[in-house]
Structures are given as C-alpha cells and as structure tokens.
Protein backbone atom coordinates (compact mmCIF):
# COMPACT_ATOMS: atom_id res chain seq x y z
CA UNK A 1 1.33 -13.84 -13.54
CA UNK A 2 4.66 -11.34 -13.57
CA UNK A 3 6.96 -13.17 -12.12
CA UNK A 4 8.26 -11.03 -8.58
CA UNK A 5 11.60 -9.14 -9.82
CA UNK A 6 13.82 -10.00 -6.81
CA UNK A 7 16.49 -8.49 -8.47
CA UNK A 8 14.58 -5.03 -8.28
CA UNK A 9 13.43 -5.64 -4.83
CA UNK A 10 16.80 -6.09 -3.14
CA UNK A 11 17.52 -2.41 -4.40
CA UNK A 12 14.39 -0.71 -3.10
CA UNK A 13 12.58 0.62 -0.07
CA UNK A 14 11.07 -2.44 0.69
CA UNK A 15 14.55 -4.76 2.40
CA UNK A 16 14.74 -2.17 5.25
CA UNK A 17 11.92 -2.23 7.96
CA UNK A 18 13.37 0.14 10.24
CA UNK A 19 14.17 2.83 7.98
CA UNK A 20 10.83 2.16 6.28
CA UNK A 21 9.35 3.29 9.62
CA UNK A 22 11.68 6.20 10.46
CA UNK A 23 10.92 7.59 7.03
CA UNK A 24 7.25 7.16 7.29
CA UNK A 25 6.41 9.11 10.33
CA UNK A 26 4.11 11.30 9.32
CA UNK A 27 1.52 8.67 7.44
CA UNK A 28 -1.06 9.18 10.13
CA UNK A 29 -3.88 10.85 8.56
CA UNK A 30 -5.12 7.60 7.12
CA UNK A 31 -5.46 5.81 10.65
CA UNK A 32 -8.88 7.46 11.54
CA UNK A 33 -10.25 6.18 8.28
CA UNK A 34 -9.37 2.64 8.76
CA UNK A 35 -10.63 2.66 12.35
CA UNK A 36 -14.01 3.97 11.50
CA UNK A 37 -14.36 1.78 8.52
CA UNK A 38 -13.34 -1.48 10.93
CA UNK A 39 -16.23 -0.21 13.36
CA UNK A 40 -18.83 -0.21 10.60
CA UNK A 41 -17.87 -3.60 9.37
CA UNK A 42 -19.90 -6.63 9.94
CA UNK A 43 -17.52 -8.63 11.93
CA UNK A 44 -14.11 -8.31 13.07
CA UNK A 45 -12.28 -10.41 11.04
CA UNK A 46 -9.74 -8.28 9.00
CA UNK A 47 -7.48 -9.19 6.18
CA UNK A 48 -5.21 -6.59 5.30
CA UNK A 49 -3.14 -7.52 1.69
CA UNK A 50 0.67 -5.98 1.24
CA UNK A 51 0.64 -5.13 5.22
CA UNK A 52 4.01 -3.58 5.14
CA UNK A 53 5.76 -3.64 8.56
CA UNK A 54 2.09 -3.13 10.68
CA UNK A 55 1.36 0.56 10.52
CA UNK A 56 -2.18 -0.26 10.21
CA UNK A 57 -2.22 -3.30 12.00
CA UNK A 58 -1.49 -2.10 15.37
CA UNK A 59 -4.55 0.49 15.53
CA UNK A 60 -6.54 -2.18 14.41
CA UNK A 61 -5.58 -4.57 16.65
CA UNK A 62 -6.26 -2.19 19.54
CA UNK A 63 -9.88 -1.87 17.89
CA UNK A 64 -10.32 -5.47 18.79
CA UNK A 65 -9.92 -6.46 14.72
CA UNK A 66 -9.01 -10.38 14.73
CA UNK A 67 -6.17 -9.29 12.04
CA UNK A 68 -4.63 -11.05 9.65
CA UNK A 69 -1.85 -9.16 7.24
CA UNK A 70 -0.13 -10.66 4.26
CA UNK A 71 3.62 -9.01 3.10
CA UNK A 72 5.68 -10.11 0.72
CA UNK A 73 9.15 -8.70 2.05
CA UNK A 74 10.84 -11.00 4.52
CA UNK A 75 12.40 -8.26 6.35
CA UNK A 76 8.84 -6.36 6.89
CA UNK A 77 7.23 -9.46 7.89
CA UNK A 78 9.50 -10.07 10.73
CA UNK A 79 9.90 -6.38 11.73
CA UNK A 80 6.31 -6.32 11.76
CA UNK A 81 5.47 -9.18 13.80
CA UNK A 82 8.06 -8.18 16.58
CA UNK A 83 5.42 -4.84 16.94
CA UNK A 84 2.17 -7.46 16.73
CA UNK A 85 3.67 -9.89 20.03
CA UNK A 86 3.45 -6.29 21.84
CA UNK A 87 -0.29 -5.93 21.35
CA UNK A 88 -2.91 -8.04 23.46
CA UNK A 89 -5.29 -9.51 21.29
CA UNK A 90 -4.83 -11.07 17.62
CA UNK A 91 -2.77 -10.17 14.80
CA UNK A 92 -0.26 -11.63 12.54
CA UNK A 93 1.39 -10.99 9.28
CA UNK A 94 2.10 -13.66 7.30
CA UNK A 95 4.68 -14.24 4.10
CA UNK A 96 2.97 -14.21 0.71
CA UNK A 97 2.15 -12.75 -2.65
CA UNK A 98 -1.01 -11.19 -3.01
CA UNK A 99 -1.51 -12.26 -6.36
CA UNK A 100 -1.82 -15.83 -5.26
CA UNK A 101 -2.73 -16.29 -1.47
CA UNK A 102 -5.39 -19.21 0.27
CA UNK A 103 -6.27 -18.68 3.72
CA UNK A 104 -9.66 -20.68 3.64
CA UNK A 105 -11.37 -18.31 5.23
CA UNK A 106 -13.67 -15.44 4.88
CA UNK A 107 -13.21 -11.81 6.29
CA UNK A 108 -15.28 -9.02 6.99
CA UNK A 109 -13.16 -6.22 6.12
CA UNK A 110 -10.60 -6.85 3.11
CA UNK A 111 -8.00 -3.86 2.32
CA UNK A 112 -5.25 -2.35 0.55
CA UNK A 113 -3.99 0.92 1.82
CA UNK A 114 -1.66 3.45 1.07
CA UNK A 115 -1.23 3.10 -2.10
CA UNK A 116 0.06 -0.45 -2.26
CA UNK A 117 -2.00 -1.92 -4.94
CA UNK A 118 0.40 0.39 -7.32
CA UNK A 119 2.50 -2.74 -7.03
CA UNK A 120 0.55 -4.90 -9.14
CA UNK A 121 2.16 -3.71 -12.44
CA UNK A 122 0.03 -5.48 -15.05
CA UNK A 123 -3.69 -5.94 -15.97
CA UNK A 124 -2.83 -9.73 -15.07
CA UNK A 125 -1.35 -9.07 -11.47
CA UNK A 126 -4.40 -6.89 -10.36
CA UNK A 127 -6.81 -9.24 -11.68
CA UNK A 128 -5.24 -12.04 -9.83
CA UNK A 129 -5.16 -10.50 -6.73
CA UNK A 130 -9.16 -9.19 -6.96
CA UNK A 131 -9.49 -12.92 -7.88
CA UNK A 132 -8.15 -14.17 -4.50
CA UNK A 133 -9.84 -11.06 -2.72
CA UNK A 134 -13.21 -12.18 -4.10
CA UNK A 135 -12.71 -15.98 -3.05
CA UNK A 136 -12.49 -14.78 0.89
CA UNK A 137 -15.46 -12.77 0.80
CA UNK A 138 -19.06 -13.47 2.08
CA UNK A 139 -22.10 -11.42 1.53
CA UNK A 140 -21.71 -8.78 3.99
CA UNK A 141 -17.72 -8.19 3.35
CA UNK A 142 -16.16 -5.10 2.25
CA UNK A 143 -12.78 -4.78 0.02
CA UNK A 144 -11.37 -1.18 -0.02
CA UNK A 145 -8.27 0.10 -2.16
CA UNK A 146 -6.67 3.28 -1.24
CA UNK A 147 -4.40 4.59 -3.97
CA UNK A 148 -3.58 8.24 -5.03
CA UNK A 149 -5.06 10.22 -8.08
CA UNK A 150 -2.39 10.42 -10.97
CA UNK A 151 -1.04 13.46 -11.10
CA UNK A 152 0.25 14.93 -14.69
CA UNK A 153 2.50 17.39 -12.96
CA UNK A 154 4.21 14.40 -11.15
CA UNK A 155 4.44 11.84 -13.88
CA UNK A 156 5.57 14.06 -16.68
CA UNK A 157 8.27 16.36 -15.16
CA UNK A 158 11.73 16.94 -16.44
CA UNK A 159 14.09 13.79 -17.23
CA UNK A 160 16.57 13.63 -14.38
CA UNK A 161 15.61 16.35 -12.48
CA UNK A 162 15.45 15.54 -8.36
CA UNK A 163 12.65 17.24 -6.29
CA UNK A 164 12.38 16.91 -2.59
CA UNK A 165 9.91 14.48 -1.04
CA UNK A 166 10.73 13.48 2.61
CA UNK A 167 12.88 14.42 5.37
CA UNK A 168 13.22 12.08 8.59
CA UNK A 169 15.92 11.74 11.16
CA UNK A 170 17.20 8.11 11.27
CA UNK A 171 16.50 6.18 14.12
CA UNK A 172 19.81 4.60 14.06
CA UNK A 173 22.39 7.22 13.64
CA UNK A 174 20.06 9.90 14.99
CA UNK A 175 21.54 11.96 11.01
CA UNK A 176 18.87 14.13 9.43
CA UNK A 177 18.11 12.62 6.08
CA UNK A 178 16.68 14.04 2.83
CA UNK A 179 15.45 12.48 0.14
CA UNK A 180 14.79 13.51 -3.33
CA UNK A 181 13.74 11.57 -6.41
CA UNK A 182 13.39 11.37 -10.02
CA UNK A 183 10.87 9.23 -12.27
CA UNK A 184 10.56 7.96 -15.55
CA UNK A 185 6.70 7.37 -16.20
CA UNK A 186 5.64 5.35 -19.37
CA UNK A 187 2.42 6.21 -20.87
CA UNK A 188 1.71 3.01 -22.48
CA UNK A 189 1.94 0.79 -19.50
CA UNK A 190 1.27 3.43 -16.89
CA UNK A 191 4.68 2.51 -15.27
CA UNK A 192 6.31 4.98 -13.32
CA UNK A 193 9.97 4.16 -12.50
CA UNK A 194 11.18 5.86 -9.12
CA UNK A 195 14.64 6.74 -8.03
CA UNK A 196 15.26 7.94 -4.11
CA UNK A 197 18.59 9.72 -3.42
CA UNK A 198 19.41 9.93 0.70
CA UNK A 199 21.75 12.34 1.46
CA UNK A 200 22.99 13.95 5.15
CA UNK A 201 25.08 16.58 6.19
CA UNK A 202 27.98 14.26 5.92
CA UNK A 203 26.94 12.45 2.94
CA UNK A 204 25.14 13.16 -0.28
CA UNK A 205 23.62 10.38 -2.04
CA UNK A 206 24.66 7.67 0.95
CA UNK A 207 21.99 5.13 -0.62
CA UNK A 208 19.83 5.24 -3.98
CA UNK A 209 16.88 3.09 -4.25
CA UNK A 210 14.51 2.42 -7.22
CA UNK A 211 10.98 1.11 -7.12
CA UNK A 212 8.23 0.66 -9.66
CA UNK A 213 4.36 1.80 -9.29
CA UNK A 214 1.65 1.49 -11.94
CA UNK A 215 -0.25 4.57 -12.31
CA UNK A 216 -4.22 3.42 -12.46
CA UNK A 217 -6.81 5.43 -13.92
CA UNK A 218 -9.95 5.55 -12.78
CA UNK A 219 -11.38 3.73 -15.77
CA UNK A 220 -9.32 1.04 -15.58
CA UNK A 221 -9.75 0.51 -11.45
CA UNK A 222 -13.61 0.43 -12.41
CA UNK A 223 -13.06 -2.33 -15.14
CA UNK A 224 -11.01 -4.52 -13.09
CA UNK A 225 -13.17 -4.50 -10.28
CA UNK A 226 -16.20 -5.21 -12.20
CA UNK A 227 -14.49 -8.02 -14.07
CA UNK A 228 -13.52 -9.71 -11.35
CA UNK A 229 -17.31 -9.96 -10.21
CA UNK A 230 -16.59 -6.79 -7.45
CA UNK A 231 -20.02 -4.14 -7.10
CA UNK A 232 -18.23 -0.73 -6.56
CA UNK A 233 -20.66 1.15 -3.85
CA UNK A 234 -18.41 4.30 -3.35
CA UNK A 235 -15.78 6.16 -4.57
CA UNK A 236 -14.15 8.79 -2.32
CA UNK A 237 -11.70 11.12 -2.77
CA UNK A 238 -10.63 11.94 0.43
CA UNK A 239 -10.15 10.18 3.98
CA UNK A 240 -13.17 12.38 5.14
CA UNK A 241 -15.13 9.95 2.30
CA UNK A 242 -15.89 12.95 -0.19
CA UNK A 243 -17.13 12.17 -3.52
CA UNK A 244 -14.21 11.54 -5.82
CA UNK A 245 -13.64 14.36 -8.64
CA UNK A 246 -11.09 15.19 -11.17
CA UNK A 247 -9.66 17.30 -8.42
CA UNK A 248 -9.23 14.74 -5.87
CA UNK A 249 -5.78 13.30 -4.59
CA UNK A 250 -6.93 9.87 -4.05
CA UNK A 251 -9.05 7.12 -5.19
CA UNK A 252 -11.04 5.27 -2.09
CA UNK A 253 -13.01 2.17 -3.89
CA UNK A 254 -15.37 0.44 -1.55
CA UNK A 255 -17.03 -2.77 -2.85
CA UNK A 256 -18.71 -5.97 -2.28
CA UNK A 257 -19.91 -8.74 -3.80
C-alpha cells in the first residue's frame, strides 16, 4: 500500500476546510441524486468514504440516514463534525484511511462521491479500499462510485499553460478569488499532477497548491470492481442515470456482492 504523502497533503487544497467549502459553493448538482439513491436503499445505514467537509452528509442526515463518514484530513473531520452537531439525528465523520478501515458493522449504502476515488493512485490502493468496502456489505448493500470520465482535451493541455477553473468569494475576507490551474499528465501511470493558483484583485498568486489524481478509464474500473468480488449492476453517465457512453462526462458505478 502506498504511504499517504503527508508532504504533498500539507501543500494541497485538503487542509483548509473553510476555503474548500467556499470554493465548492457551486457543487450541488449531485445532491438530489444521492438523496434518491438513499431513498431506494434497503435500510438507513450509510457509509461515505472520503467524506470531506460533510457536504453530502448534511442532506442525507436530513433524510434520516444513520450516517458514518471516513475522512483522512483532520481539519476536514473537525470542520465537518461541527456542522453535523447542528443537525438532528445520527451522524459522525471519523478520521481514517479508506484503504484500511474496519467499522465491524455492515451498511446498506456505501459510496464515494465527487471524484474522491481518484486519490487512490495505484491499483494496490484501489484494491485495498474495495476489499474494505466488500467486508462492510451485506447481500442487499449497494456500493456506488462517482468519478468523471477522463477528457483528453483536459489531460493533454500545453505544459505550464494556465486555465481558469473557478471563482468564489472568501467567507473570511469577502474578497473575490480566481483560481487557475495547470496540469502534468503521465499516460503510463495515469497520474495527473494539478497545480492551482489563487489570485484576487490585490494579490496575484497569493496561494499555490498541488494535488494529485489518477485518471481511471472504464476498463480499469470494471477490472478493479470485479477483482474485488463486486458485481456491477449499472454504469451511468449522468446524475439522471442515463446510460454511460464515451460521450458521458461522468462514470457512476453501482455494484453489489
């Protein structure tokens, strides 16, 4: 198993929870999807892997989910649990590594949302995670992964050329922030190294953060899921559950055991 790269973590978008919430204000399009998925589950016990700052935890708890999340960032765990304490019902996010966890219980729904699976950078890491998932499933459990479908126009952009990626307002300073990115993709390993540049009207490149993701193609996803003992029930290309095609933006895998 690849050791978690703490050096990289300290220079990534994943240690400042409030900024992460600020810059992802726009990500709401998947919430109706996950609420619908939960409503169709065999029970209310939910496990989210790489749970982040609780963006999906809150709406699921409001739908009466008995929710548990696992997240590797201590800052995100602390920030998320402050949110969850304001919600009625059951819900908690615990510090842990999704490649090696044992909750000693089964869940009706287990999922990894919004590209978080892409931080598993090798087959070994992905396989370790999936092995843990299977150990926490029962006959009626469903496991769902939501990742984007790699776009060659994104992966093979000119080296060091910056592209605008998002805008947001900093909740602390009220400044408007622009984020640009560069990327360096290695087709052999599938690893995409991304750098984000943060600027405001007063301060260009006030922050620069690096993070790494692996691009997973459908043939690799199919192999990994099947090798882990999972049975693929659906592959959707949108949150509307349309069938995945090579023109889809998303790969949403639904699997059981």
